Amino acid sequence: MTVDFHAGAPVDGDLDVRWIHGGVADPPIQVHRFDPHTVILRQSKTVHYEGPFLYLFLGNQRALLLDTGATEDPVAFPLRETVDAVLDGWLAMHPRTDYELVVAHTHAHGDHVAGDPQFVGRPGTIVVGTDLDAVQGFFGFGSWPEETVRFDLGGRVLEIIGCPGHHETSIAVYDPWSGILVTGDTVYRGRLYAPDFAAFAASLSRLAAFAAVRDVRYVMGCHVEMRRDGSDYPLGARYQPDEPAPELSVEELLAIRDAAWSIVDRPGVHPAGPAIIYNGMTNWSTFRMLMRGRWHQLLGRRRRS
């Protein structure tokens, strides 16, 4: 059975979901089906405070798993087992042989690649390397990061955009079928760390220009660190009951872009609509962030004792 990933795109997917946010009853991984061919996973913050979102796009010939989370241990964080169950279920409904899984990353920070070893040796699986040469070579970038390249899952053609600044390997992925633009740690509801701010601001402009000529329904990052009132949870928070929904609008992406360009020459910490931008990592901003997180952890331990 061949799925037509063009007719009716973008589809009306389901984001009416209460995401796990660190409660003691959380499963290690939450699995949410946006539609039958698009799955969003979230790692529990009880397993790792980063609580990243992962994305699984299924096409007619292969699936793409974007990021592998913050934990290597398959007992604490059974990512491969979970992904295998999703793929087995999909293949039961859409039988075919030689179905491939590609494991790639929005960027190479540890909370996005830690689960890679779970997929090493898995039959029919490619785990894309995490250095810049590997990313450029696998996706076929000729002009990085200006070029937008295509990656075909079998009738479901994704577009890959280079967006360094947070990390030199950062990419965004647009899926015309779901209307989702995955922006990794470049854009999300939280603290946007930009050690290379010139590259970061240029990447935001590139994303905004891309979104202006595509039917982007949702801008989806890989974390939520904000409360609904616009303040942020401290670094290391393992319980975030007042999170807003992770998805952003294109208008919010534009607001973040505009905020970034307004502070190009002002290192430090700046509000940016639904996010907070760290223009460089100054000693003072890093110290304040770490101490606030440490104080939050100490208070949590006292409350539990």
C-alpha atoms as a PDB file:
ATOM      1  CA  MET A   1       0.000   0.000   0.000  1.00  0.00           C
ATOM      2  CA  THR A   2       1.547   3.262  -1.160  1.00  0.00           C
ATOM      3  CA  VAL A   3       0.668   6.365   0.821  1.00  0.00           C
ATOM      4  CA  ASP A   4       0.002   9.541  -1.176  1.00  0.00           C
ATOM      5  CA  PHE A   5       1.880  12.242   0.716  1.00  0.00           C
ATOM      6  CA  HIS A   6       0.788  15.009  -1.649  1.00  0.00           C
ATOM      7  CA  ALA A   7      -2.997  14.897  -1.759  1.00  0.00           C
ATOM      8  CA  GLY A   8      -4.506  16.963   1.022  1.00  0.00           C
ATOM      9  CA  ALA A   9      -1.180  18.178   2.401  1.00  0.00           C
ATOM     10  CA  PRO A  10      -0.742  19.621   4.889  1.00  0.00           C
ATOM     11  CA  VAL A  11      -3.073  17.379   6.833  1.00  0.00           C
ATOM     12  CA  ASP A  12      -5.059  18.305   9.916  1.00  0.00           C
ATOM     13  CA  GLY A  13      -2.969  16.601  12.564  1.00  0.00           C
ATOM     14  CA  ASP A  14      -3.631  16.205  16.267  1.00  0.00           C
ATOM     15  CA  LEU A  15      -1.770  18.361  18.789  1.00  0.00           C
ATOM     16  CA  ASP A  16      -4.508  18.222  21.407  1.00  0.00           C
ATOM     17  CA  VAL A  17      -2.274  16.480  23.911  1.00  0.00           C
ATOM     18  CA  ARG A  18      -1.193  16.905  27.515  1.00  0.00           C
ATOM     19  CA  TRP A  19       2.557  16.347  27.368  1.00  0.00           C
ATOM     20  CA  ILE A  20       4.331  14.604  30.205  1.00  0.00           C
ATOM     21  CA  HIS A  21       6.219  17.186  32.244  1.00  0.00           C
ATOM     22  CA  GLY A  22       7.968  15.373  35.074  1.00  0.00           C
ATOM     23  CA  GLY A  23       5.216  13.809  37.149  1.00  0.00           C
ATOM     24  CA  VAL A  24       6.119  10.672  39.083  1.00  0.00           C
ATOM     25  CA  ALA A  25       3.654   8.615  37.054  1.00  0.00           C
ATOM     26  CA  ASP A  26       5.189   9.618  33.728  1.00  0.00           C
ATOM     27  CA  PRO A  27       6.298   6.826  31.388  1.00  0.00           C
ATOM     28  CA  PRO A  28       9.940   7.163  30.307  1.00  0.00           C
ATOM     29  CA  ILE A  29       8.748   8.099  26.802  1.00  0.00           C
ATOM     30  CA  GLN A  30       5.444   9.585  25.701  1.00  0.00           C
ATOM     31  CA  VAL A  31       4.328   8.587  22.205  1.00  0.00           C
ATOM     32  CA  HIS A  32       1.884  10.870  20.420  1.00  0.00           C
ATOM     33  CA  ARG A  33       0.587  10.262  16.915  1.00  0.00           C
ATOM     34  CA  PHE A  34       0.123  13.566  15.145  1.00  0.00           C
ATOM     35  CA  ASP A  35      -1.278  11.522  12.257  1.00  0.00           C
ATOM     36  CA  PRO A  36      -0.823   7.872  11.196  1.00  0.00           C
ATOM     37  CA  HIS A  37       2.540   8.660   9.589  1.00  0.00           C
ATOM     38  CA  THR A  38       3.948  11.271  12.002  1.00  0.00           C
ATOM     39  CA  VAL A  39       4.902  10.552  15.596  1.00  0.00           C
ATOM     40  CA  ILE A  40       6.176  12.955  18.250  1.00  0.00           C
ATOM     41  CA  LEU A  41       7.917  11.488  21.285  1.00  0.00           C
ATOM     42  CA  ARG A  42       8.928  13.141  24.516  1.00  0.00           C
ATOM     43  CA  GLN A  43      11.467  11.893  27.021  1.00  0.00           C
ATOM     44  CA  SER A  44      10.298  12.149  30.601  1.00  0.00           C
ATOM     45  CA  LYS A  45      11.958  14.802  32.728  1.00  0.00           C
ATOM     46  CA  THR A  46      12.088  12.229  35.506  1.00  0.00           C
ATOM     47  CA  VAL A  47      14.583  10.335  33.331  1.00  0.00           C
ATOM     48  CA  HIS A  48      16.536  13.437  32.307  1.00  0.00           C
ATOM     49  CA  TYR A  49      15.766  17.053  33.112  1.00  0.00           C
ATOM     50  CA  GLU A  50      16.187  18.115  29.477  1.00  0.00           C
ATOM     51  CA  GLY A  51      12.933  16.324  28.552  1.00  0.00           C
ATOM     52  CA  PRO A  52      13.550  16.610  24.789  1.00  0.00           C
ATOM     53  CA  PHE A  53      11.008  16.093  22.031  1.00  0.00           C
ATOM     54  CA  LEU A  54      11.919  13.648  19.236  1.00  0.00           C
ATOM     55  CA  TYR A  55      10.278  13.352  15.830  1.00  0.00           C
ATOM     56  CA  LEU A  56       9.565  10.281  13.695  1.00  0.00           C
ATOM     57  CA  PHE A  57       8.473  10.783  10.081  1.00  0.00           C
ATOM     58  CA  LEU A  58       7.419   7.686   8.114  1.00  0.00           C
ATOM     59  CA  GLY A  59       7.510   7.533   4.319  1.00  0.00           C
ATOM     60  CA  ASN A  60       6.920   4.767   1.814  1.00  0.00           C
ATOM     61  CA  GLN A  61      10.540   3.578   1.739  1.00  0.00           C
ATOM     62  CA  ARG A  62      12.099   4.766   4.977  1.00  0.00           C
ATOM     63  CA  ALA A  63      11.489   6.550   8.229  1.00  0.00           C
ATOM     64  CA  LEU A  64      13.479   9.410   9.744  1.00  0.00           C
ATOM     65  CA  LEU A  65      14.025   9.631  13.489  1.00  0.00           C
ATOM     66  CA  LEU A  66      15.169  13.118  14.434  1.00  0.00           C
ATOM     67  CA  ASP A  67      17.237  12.970  17.654  1.00  0.00           C
ATOM     68  CA  THR A  68      17.698  10.161  20.149  1.00  0.00           C
ATOM     69  CA  GLY A  69      17.277  11.952  23.453  1.00  0.00           C
ATOM     70  CA  ALA A  70      19.411  12.578  26.497  1.00  0.00           C
ATOM     71  CA  THR A  71      19.918   9.051  27.883  1.00  0.00           C
ATOM     72  CA  GLU A  72      21.880   6.123  26.506  1.00  0.00           C
ATOM     73  CA  ASP A  73      20.617   3.435  28.904  1.00  0.00           C
ATOM     74  CA  PRO A  74      17.910   1.388  27.107  1.00  0.00           C
ATOM     75  CA  VAL A  75      16.425   0.271  30.417  1.00  0.00           C
ATOM     76  CA  ALA A  76      15.886   3.785  31.752  1.00  0.00           C
ATOM     77  CA  PHE A  77      15.046   5.122  28.307  1.00  0.00           C
ATOM     78  CA  PRO A  78      13.824   2.360  25.938  1.00  0.00           C
ATOM     79  CA  LEU A  79      13.904   4.440  22.773  1.00  0.00           C
ATOM     80  CA  ARG A  80      14.760   1.723  20.279  1.00  0.00           C
ATOM     81  CA  GLU A  81      12.115  -0.573  21.736  1.00  0.00           C
ATOM     82  CA  THR A  82       9.571   2.241  21.461  1.00  0.00           C
ATOM     83  CA  VAL A  83      10.526   3.190  17.901  1.00  0.00           C
ATOM     84  CA  ASP A  84      10.526  -0.479  16.849  1.00  0.00           C
ATOM     85  CA  ALA A  85       6.984  -0.854  18.196  1.00  0.00           C
ATOM     86  CA  VAL A  86       5.820   2.199  16.236  1.00  0.00           C
ATOM     87  CA  LEU A  87       7.468   0.959  13.036  1.00  0.00           C
ATOM     88  CA  ASP A  88       6.138  -2.588  13.487  1.00  0.00           C
ATOM     89  CA  GLY A  89       2.626  -1.222  13.914  1.00  0.00           C
ATOM     90  CA  TRP A  90       2.928   0.968  10.831  1.00  0.00           C
ATOM     91  CA  LEU A  91       4.360  -1.872   8.740  1.00  0.00           C
ATOM     92  CA  ALA A  92       1.510  -4.140   9.828  1.00  0.00           C
ATOM     93  CA  MET A  93      -0.868  -1.620   8.261  1.00  0.00           C
ATOM     94  CA  HIS A  94       1.404  -0.845   5.284  1.00  0.00           C
ATOM     95  CA  PRO A  95       3.297  -4.080   4.523  1.00  0.00           C
ATOM     96  CA  ARG A  96       6.569  -3.799   2.630  1.00  0.00           C
ATOM     97  CA  THR A  97      10.028  -5.309   2.735  1.00  0.00           C
ATOM     98  CA  ASP A  98      13.416  -3.666   3.263  1.00  0.00           C
ATOM     99  CA  TYR A  99      12.030  -0.707   5.177  1.00  0.00           C
ATOM    100  CA  GLU A 100      14.868   1.566   6.279  1.00  0.00           C
ATOM    101  CA  LEU A 101      15.308   3.710   9.373  1.00  0.00           C
ATOM    102  CA  VAL A 102      17.515   6.794   9.265  1.00  0.00           C
ATOM    103  CA  VAL A 103      18.577   8.245  12.610  1.00  0.00           C
ATOM    104  CA  ALA A 104      19.663  11.870  12.294  1.00  0.00           C
ATOM    105  CA  HIS A 105      19.923  14.851  14.608  1.00  0.00           C
ATOM    106  CA  THR A 106      18.815  18.451  14.836  1.00  0.00           C
ATOM    107  CA  HIS A 107      22.340  19.054  16.186  1.00  0.00           C
ATOM    108  CA  ALA A 108      25.066  17.229  18.053  1.00  0.00           C
ATOM    109  CA  HIS A 109      24.604  18.244  21.686  1.00  0.00           C
ATOM    110  CA  GLY A 110      24.481  15.325  24.105  1.00  0.00           C
ATOM    111  CA  ASP A 111      20.785  15.581  24.934  1.00  0.00           C
ATOM    112  CA  HIS A 112      20.003  14.958  21.251  1.00  0.00           C
ATOM    113  CA  VAL A 113      22.414  12.122  20.451  1.00  0.00           C
ATOM    114  CA  ALA A 114      22.793  10.105  23.680  1.00  0.00           C
ATOM    115  CA  GLY A 115      20.476   7.324  22.519  1.00  0.00           C
ATOM    116  CA  ASP A 116      22.380   6.691  19.280  1.00  0.00           C
ATOM    117  CA  PRO A 117      24.101   3.508  20.586  1.00  0.00           C
ATOM    118  CA  GLN A 118      20.685   1.849  20.933  1.00  0.00           C
ATOM    119  CA  PHE A 119      20.416   1.875  17.124  1.00  0.00           C
ATOM    120  CA  VAL A 120      23.940   0.797  16.266  1.00  0.00           C
ATOM    121  CA  GLY A 121      23.725  -2.648  14.654  1.00  0.00           C
ATOM    122  CA  ARG A 122      19.972  -2.445  14.093  1.00  0.00           C
ATOM    123  CA  PRO A 123      19.213  -4.043  10.691  1.00  0.00           C
ATOM    124  CA  GLY A 124      18.303  -1.651   7.914  1.00  0.00           C
ATOM    125  CA  THR A 125      19.399   1.365   9.903  1.00  0.00           C
ATOM    126  CA  ILE A 126      21.663   4.324   9.142  1.00  0.00           C
ATOM    127  CA  VAL A 127      22.857   6.411  12.087  1.00  0.00           C
ATOM    128  CA  VAL A 128      24.087   9.694  10.633  1.00  0.00           C
ATOM    129  CA  GLY A 129      27.336  10.975  12.102  1.00  0.00           C
ATOM    130  CA  THR A 130      27.294  13.987  14.373  1.00  0.00           C
ATOM    131  CA  ASP A 131      30.136  16.110  12.974  1.00  0.00           C
ATOM    132  CA  LEU A 132      29.561  18.798  10.365  1.00  0.00           C
ATOM    133  CA  ASP A 133      31.195  16.866   7.520  1.00  0.00           C
ATOM    134  CA  ALA A 134      28.954  13.869   8.205  1.00  0.00           C
ATOM    135  CA  VAL A 135      25.788  15.994   8.256  1.00  0.00           C
ATOM    136  CA  GLN A 136      26.693  17.862   5.076  1.00  0.00           C
ATOM    137  CA  GLY A 137      27.760  14.688   3.302  1.00  0.00           C
ATOM    138  CA  PHE A 138      24.731  12.610   4.213  1.00  0.00           C
ATOM    139  CA  PHE A 139      22.114  15.182   3.249  1.00  0.00           C
ATOM    140  CA  GLY A 140      24.096  16.436   0.249  1.00  0.00           C
ATOM    141  CA  PHE A 141      24.713  20.044   1.158  1.00  0.00           C
ATOM    142  CA  GLY A 142      26.832  21.751  -1.480  1.00  0.00           C
ATOM    143  CA  SER A 143      26.598  25.254  -0.031  1.00  0.00           C
ATOM    144  CA  TRP A 144      26.309  25.287   3.742  1.00  0.00           C
ATOM    145  CA  PRO A 145      24.290  26.731   5.347  1.00  0.00           C
ATOM    146  CA  GLU A 146      22.592  28.777   2.619  1.00  0.00           C
ATOM    147  CA  GLU A 147      21.340  25.817   0.584  1.00  0.00           C
ATOM    148  CA  THR A 148      18.077  24.023   1.312  1.00  0.00           C
ATOM    149  CA  VAL A 149      18.262  20.337   0.382  1.00  0.00           C
ATOM    150  CA  ARG A 150      15.639  17.630  -0.007  1.00  0.00           C
ATOM    151  CA  PHE A 151      15.504  14.237   1.653  1.00  0.00           C
ATOM    152  CA  ASP A 152      13.055  11.715   0.221  1.00  0.00           C
ATOM    153  CA  LEU A 153      11.461   9.165   2.553  1.00  0.00           C
ATOM    154  CA  GLY A 154       9.624   7.605  -0.388  1.00  0.00           C
ATOM    155  CA  GLY A 155       6.995  10.007  -1.679  1.00  0.00           C
ATOM    156  CA  ARG A 156       7.371  12.117   1.447  1.00  0.00           C
ATOM    157  CA  VAL A 157      10.042  14.698   0.632  1.00  0.00           C
ATOM    158  CA  LEU A 158      11.439  16.654   3.559  1.00  0.00           C
ATOM    159  CA  GLU A 159      13.398  19.879   3.234  1.00  0.00           C
ATOM    160  CA  ILE A 160      16.542  20.380   5.317  1.00  0.00           C
ATOM    161  CA  ILE A 161      17.752  23.864   6.230  1.00  0.00           C
ATOM    162  CA  GLY A 162      21.157  24.604   7.718  1.00  0.00           C
ATOM    163  CA  CYS A 163      20.801  26.845  10.761  1.00  0.00           C
ATOM    164  CA  PRO A 164      24.066  27.065  12.738  1.00  0.00           C
ATOM    165  CA  GLY A 165      24.499  29.430  15.657  1.00  0.00           C
ATOM    166  CA  HIS A 166      23.345  27.335  18.578  1.00  0.00           C
ATOM    167  CA  HIS A 167      25.639  24.580  17.285  1.00  0.00           C
ATOM    168  CA  GLU A 168      27.648  24.367  14.090  1.00  0.00           C
ATOM    169  CA  THR A 169      25.680  21.288  12.944  1.00  0.00           C
ATOM    170  CA  SER A 170      22.190  22.664  13.651  1.00  0.00           C
ATOM    171  CA  ILE A 171      19.555  21.918  11.033  1.00  0.00           C
ATOM    172  CA  ALA A 172      15.827  22.476  10.706  1.00  0.00           C
ATOM    173  CA  VAL A 173      13.530  20.021   8.935  1.00  0.00           C
ATOM    174  CA  TYR A 174      10.297  20.908   7.133  1.00  0.00           C
ATOM    175  CA  ASP A 175       7.692  18.276   6.363  1.00  0.00           C
ATOM    176  CA  PRO A 176       5.078  19.429   3.812  1.00  0.00           C
ATOM    177  CA  TRP A 177       2.755  16.545   4.738  1.00  0.00           C
ATOM    178  CA  SER A 178       2.278  17.616   8.360  1.00  0.00           C
ATOM    179  CA  GLY A 179       3.144  21.274   7.950  1.00  0.00           C
ATOM    180  CA  ILE A 180       5.660  20.897  10.789  1.00  0.00           C
ATOM    181  CA  LEU A 181       8.940  22.804  10.768  1.00  0.00           C
ATOM    182  CA  VAL A 182      11.262  21.188  13.329  1.00  0.00           C
ATOM    183  CA  THR A 183      13.753  23.779  14.554  1.00  0.00           C
ATOM    184  CA  GLY A 184      15.704  21.832  17.171  1.00  0.00           C
ATOM    185  CA  ASP A 185      17.286  24.120  19.757  1.00  0.00           C
ATOM    186  CA  THR A 186      17.409  27.098  17.400  1.00  0.00           C
ATOM    187  CA  VAL A 187      13.782  28.092  18.082  1.00  0.00           C
ATOM    188  CA  TYR A 188      11.603  26.805  20.910  1.00  0.00           C
ATOM    189  CA  ARG A 189       9.770  27.996  24.012  1.00  0.00           C
ATOM    190  CA  GLY A 190      12.795  28.393  26.225  1.00  0.00           C
ATOM    191  CA  ARG A 191      16.348  29.645  26.524  1.00  0.00           C
ATOM    192  CA  LEU A 192      17.927  30.022  23.103  1.00  0.00           C
ATOM    193  CA  TYR A 193      21.686  29.753  23.588  1.00  0.00           C
ATOM    194  CA  ALA A 194      23.619  31.329  20.736  1.00  0.00           C
ATOM    195  CA  PRO A 195      27.391  31.236  21.198  1.00  0.00           C
ATOM    196  CA  ASP A 196      27.850  32.234  17.535  1.00  0.00           C
ATOM    197  CA  PHE A 197      25.339  35.036  17.448  1.00  0.00           C
ATOM    198  CA  ALA A 198      26.037  36.288  13.935  1.00  0.00           C
ATOM    199  CA  ALA A 199      25.342  32.793  12.561  1.00  0.00           C
ATOM    200  CA  PHE A 200      22.298  32.456  14.850  1.00  0.00           C
ATOM    201  CA  ALA A 201      20.694  35.702  13.638  1.00  0.00           C
ATOM    202  CA  ALA A 202      21.385  34.781  10.022  1.00  0.00           C
ATOM    203  CA  SER A 203      19.808  31.357  10.602  1.00  0.00           C
ATOM    204  CA  LEU A 204      16.668  32.939  12.051  1.00  0.00           C
ATOM    205  CA  SER A 205      16.388  35.123   8.952  1.00  0.00           C
ATOM    206  CA  ARG A 206      16.854  32.066   6.760  1.00  0.00           C
ATOM    207  CA  LEU A 207      14.115  30.188   8.644  1.00  0.00           C
ATOM    208  CA  ALA A 208      11.763  33.159   8.459  1.00  0.00           C
ATOM    209  CA  ALA A 209      12.325  33.536   4.715  1.00  0.00           C
ATOM    210  CA  PHE A 210      11.736  29.820   4.238  1.00  0.00           C
ATOM    211  CA  ALA A 211       8.516  29.863   6.282  1.00  0.00           C
ATOM    212  CA  ALA A 212       7.229  32.802   4.236  1.00  0.00           C
ATOM    213  CA  VAL A 213       7.053  30.656   1.094  1.00  0.00           C
ATOM    214  CA  ARG A 214       5.962  27.348   2.618  1.00  0.00           C
ATOM    215  CA  ASP A 215       2.731  26.230   4.283  1.00  0.00           C
ATOM    216  CA  VAL A 216       4.177  25.972   7.784  1.00  0.00           C
ATOM    217  CA  ARG A 217       1.443  25.130  10.284  1.00  0.00           C
ATOM    218  CA  TYR A 218       3.611  24.507  13.345  1.00  0.00           C
ATOM    219  CA  VAL A 219       7.128  25.506  14.368  1.00  0.00           C
ATOM    220  CA  MET A 220       8.294  22.759  16.727  1.00  0.00           C
ATOM    221  CA  GLY A 221      11.475  22.851  18.781  1.00  0.00           C
ATOM    222  CA  CYS A 222      12.966  20.174  20.985  1.00  0.00           C
ATOM    223  CA  HIS A 223      12.317  21.546  24.486  1.00  0.00           C
ATOM    224  CA  VAL A 224       9.939  23.584  26.594  1.00  0.00           C
ATOM    225  CA  GLU A 225      11.508  25.644  29.387  1.00  0.00           C
ATOM    226  CA  MET A 226       8.864  28.348  29.794  1.00  0.00           C
ATOM    227  CA  ARG A 227       5.831  28.772  32.013  1.00  0.00           C
ATOM    228  CA  ARG A 228       2.543  30.046  30.655  1.00  0.00           C
ATOM    229  CA  ASP A 229       3.156  33.443  32.264  1.00  0.00           C
ATOM    230  CA  GLY A 230       6.293  33.924  30.134  1.00  0.00           C
ATOM    231  CA  SER A 231       8.871  33.203  32.834  1.00  0.00           C
ATOM    232  CA  ASP A 232      11.277  30.294  32.498  1.00  0.00           C
ATOM    233  CA  TYR A 233      11.795  27.251  34.668  1.00  0.00           C
ATOM    234  CA  PRO A 234      15.291  27.033  36.186  1.00  0.00           C
ATOM    235  CA  LEU A 235      17.959  24.959  34.474  1.00  0.00           C
ATOM    236  CA  GLY A 236      17.656  21.388  35.711  1.00  0.00           C
ATOM    237  CA  ALA A 237      13.950  21.566  36.567  1.00  0.00           C
ATOM    238  CA  ARG A 238      12.463  18.075  36.545  1.00  0.00           C
ATOM    239  CA  TYR A 239       8.842  19.081  37.134  1.00  0.00           C
ATOM    240  CA  GLN A 240       7.168  21.640  34.888  1.00  0.00           C
ATOM    241  CA  PRO A 241       3.389  21.476  35.413  1.00  0.00           C
ATOM    242  CA  ASP A 242       2.696  24.933  33.957  1.00  0.00           C
ATOM    243  CA  GLU A 243       4.260  24.437  30.537  1.00  0.00           C
ATOM    244  CA  PRO A 244       2.621  26.011  27.482  1.00  0.00           C
ATOM    245  CA  ALA A 245       2.137  23.904  24.372  1.00  0.00           C
ATOM    246  CA  PRO A 246       5.462  23.444  22.560  1.00  0.00           C
ATOM    247  CA  GLU A 247       4.287  24.491  19.107  1.00  0.00           C
ATOM    248  CA  LEU A 248       4.977  28.027  17.895  1.00  0.00           C
ATOM    249  CA  SER A 249       3.381  29.988  15.078  1.00  0.00           C
ATOM    250  CA  VAL A 250       5.243  31.518  12.160  1.00  0.00           C
ATOM    251  CA  GLU A 251       4.414  34.901  13.680  1.00  0.00           C
ATOM    252  CA  GLU A 252       6.227  33.899  16.862  1.00  0.00           C
ATOM    253  CA  LEU A 253       9.204  32.753  14.787  1.00  0.00           C
ATOM    254  CA  LEU A 254       9.275  36.203  13.191  1.00  0.00           C
ATOM    255  CA  ALA A 255       9.106  37.856  16.607  1.00  0.00           C
ATOM    256  CA  ILE A 256      12.122  35.844  17.759  1.00  0.00           C
ATOM    257  CA  ARG A 257      13.986  36.771  14.590  1.00  0.00           C
ATOM    258  CA  ASP A 258      13.237  40.463  15.093  1.00  0.00           C
ATOM    259  CA  ALA A 259      14.269  40.311  18.743  1.00  0.00           C
ATOM    260  CA  ALA A 260      17.550  38.653  17.804  1.00  0.00           C
ATOM    261  CA  TRP A 261      18.450  41.287  15.228  1.00  0.00           C
ATOM    262  CA  SER A 262      17.652  44.047  17.745  1.00  0.00           C
ATOM    263  CA  ILE A 263      20.333  42.754  20.152  1.00  0.00           C
ATOM    264  CA  VAL A 264      23.096  41.739  17.737  1.00  0.00           C
ATOM    265  CA  ASP A 265      25.517  44.139  19.414  1.00  0.00           C
ATOM    266  CA  ARG A 266      24.333  43.509  22.988  1.00  0.00           C
ATOM    267  CA  PRO A 267      25.719  40.329  24.571  1.00  0.00           C
ATOM    268  CA  GLY A 268      23.681  39.009  27.470  1.00  0.00           C
ATOM    269  CA  VAL A 269      20.205  37.694  28.217  1.00  0.00           C
ATOM    270  CA  HIS A 270      17.213  39.237  26.457  1.00  0.00           C
ATOM    271  CA  PRO A 271      13.440  38.511  26.329  1.00  0.00           C
ATOM    272  CA  ALA A 272      12.263  37.461  22.878  1.00  0.00           C
ATOM    273  CA  GLY A 273       8.502  36.985  22.908  1.00  0.00           C
ATOM    274  CA  PRO A 274       7.895  33.277  23.608  1.00  0.00           C
ATOM    275  CA  ALA A 275      11.615  32.698  24.272  1.00  0.00           C
ATOM    276  CA  ILE A 276      14.702  34.104  25.984  1.00  0.00           C
ATOM    277  CA  ILE A 277      17.813  34.731  23.910  1.00  0.00           C
ATOM    278  CA  TYR A 278      21.325  34.316  25.261  1.00  0.00           C
ATOM    279  CA  ASN A 279      23.533  36.434  23.011  1.00  0.00           C
ATOM    280  CA  GLY A 280      26.783  34.640  23.693  1.00  0.00           C
ATOM    281  CA  MET A 281      27.398  32.920  26.994  1.00  0.00           C
ATOM    282  CA  THR A 282      28.900  35.656  29.171  1.00  0.00           C
ATOM    283  CA  ASN A 283      30.471  34.620  32.471  1.00  0.00           C
ATOM    284  CA  TRP A 284      27.821  36.500  34.430  1.00  0.00           C
ATOM    285  CA  SER A 285      24.810  35.081  32.555  1.00  0.00           C
ATOM    286  CA  THR A 286      26.216  31.552  32.797  1.00  0.00           C
ATOM    287  CA  PHE A 287      26.908  31.955  36.531  1.00  0.00           C
ATOM    288  CA  ARG A 288      23.409  33.278  37.238  1.00  0.00           C
ATOM    289  CA  MET A 289      21.769  30.489  35.236  1.00  0.00           C
ATOM    290  CA  LEU A 290      23.792  27.748  36.939  1.00  0.00           C
ATOM    291  CA  MET A 291      23.292  29.153  40.442  1.00  0.00           C
ATOM    292  CA  ARG A 292      19.550  29.541  39.903  1.00  0.00           C
ATOM    293  CA  GLY A 293      19.349  25.947  38.736  1.00  0.00           C
ATOM    294  CA  ARG A 294      21.426  24.751  41.689  1.00  0.00           C
ATOM    295  CA  TRP A 295      19.234  26.640  44.156  1.00  0.00           C
ATOM    296  CA  HIS A 296      16.125  25.113  42.569  1.00  0.00           C
ATOM    297  CA  GLN A 297      17.605  21.619  42.963  1.00  0.00           C
ATOM    298  CA  LEU A 298      18.493  22.232  46.625  1.00  0.00           C
ATOM    299  CA  LEU A 299      14.999  23.490  47.392  1.00  0.00           C
ATOM    300  CA  GLY A 300      13.530  20.420  45.710  1.00  0.00           C
ATOM    301  CA  ARG A 301      15.636  18.105  47.851  1.00  0.00           C
ATOM    302  CA  ARG A 302      14.617  19.902  51.035  1.00  0.00           C
ATOM    303  CA  ARG A 303      10.941  19.635  50.141  1.00  0.00           C
ATOM    304  CA  ARG A 304      11.306  15.890  49.572  1.00  0.00           C
ATOM    305  CA  SER A 305      13.256  15.303  52.824  1.00  0.00           C
END
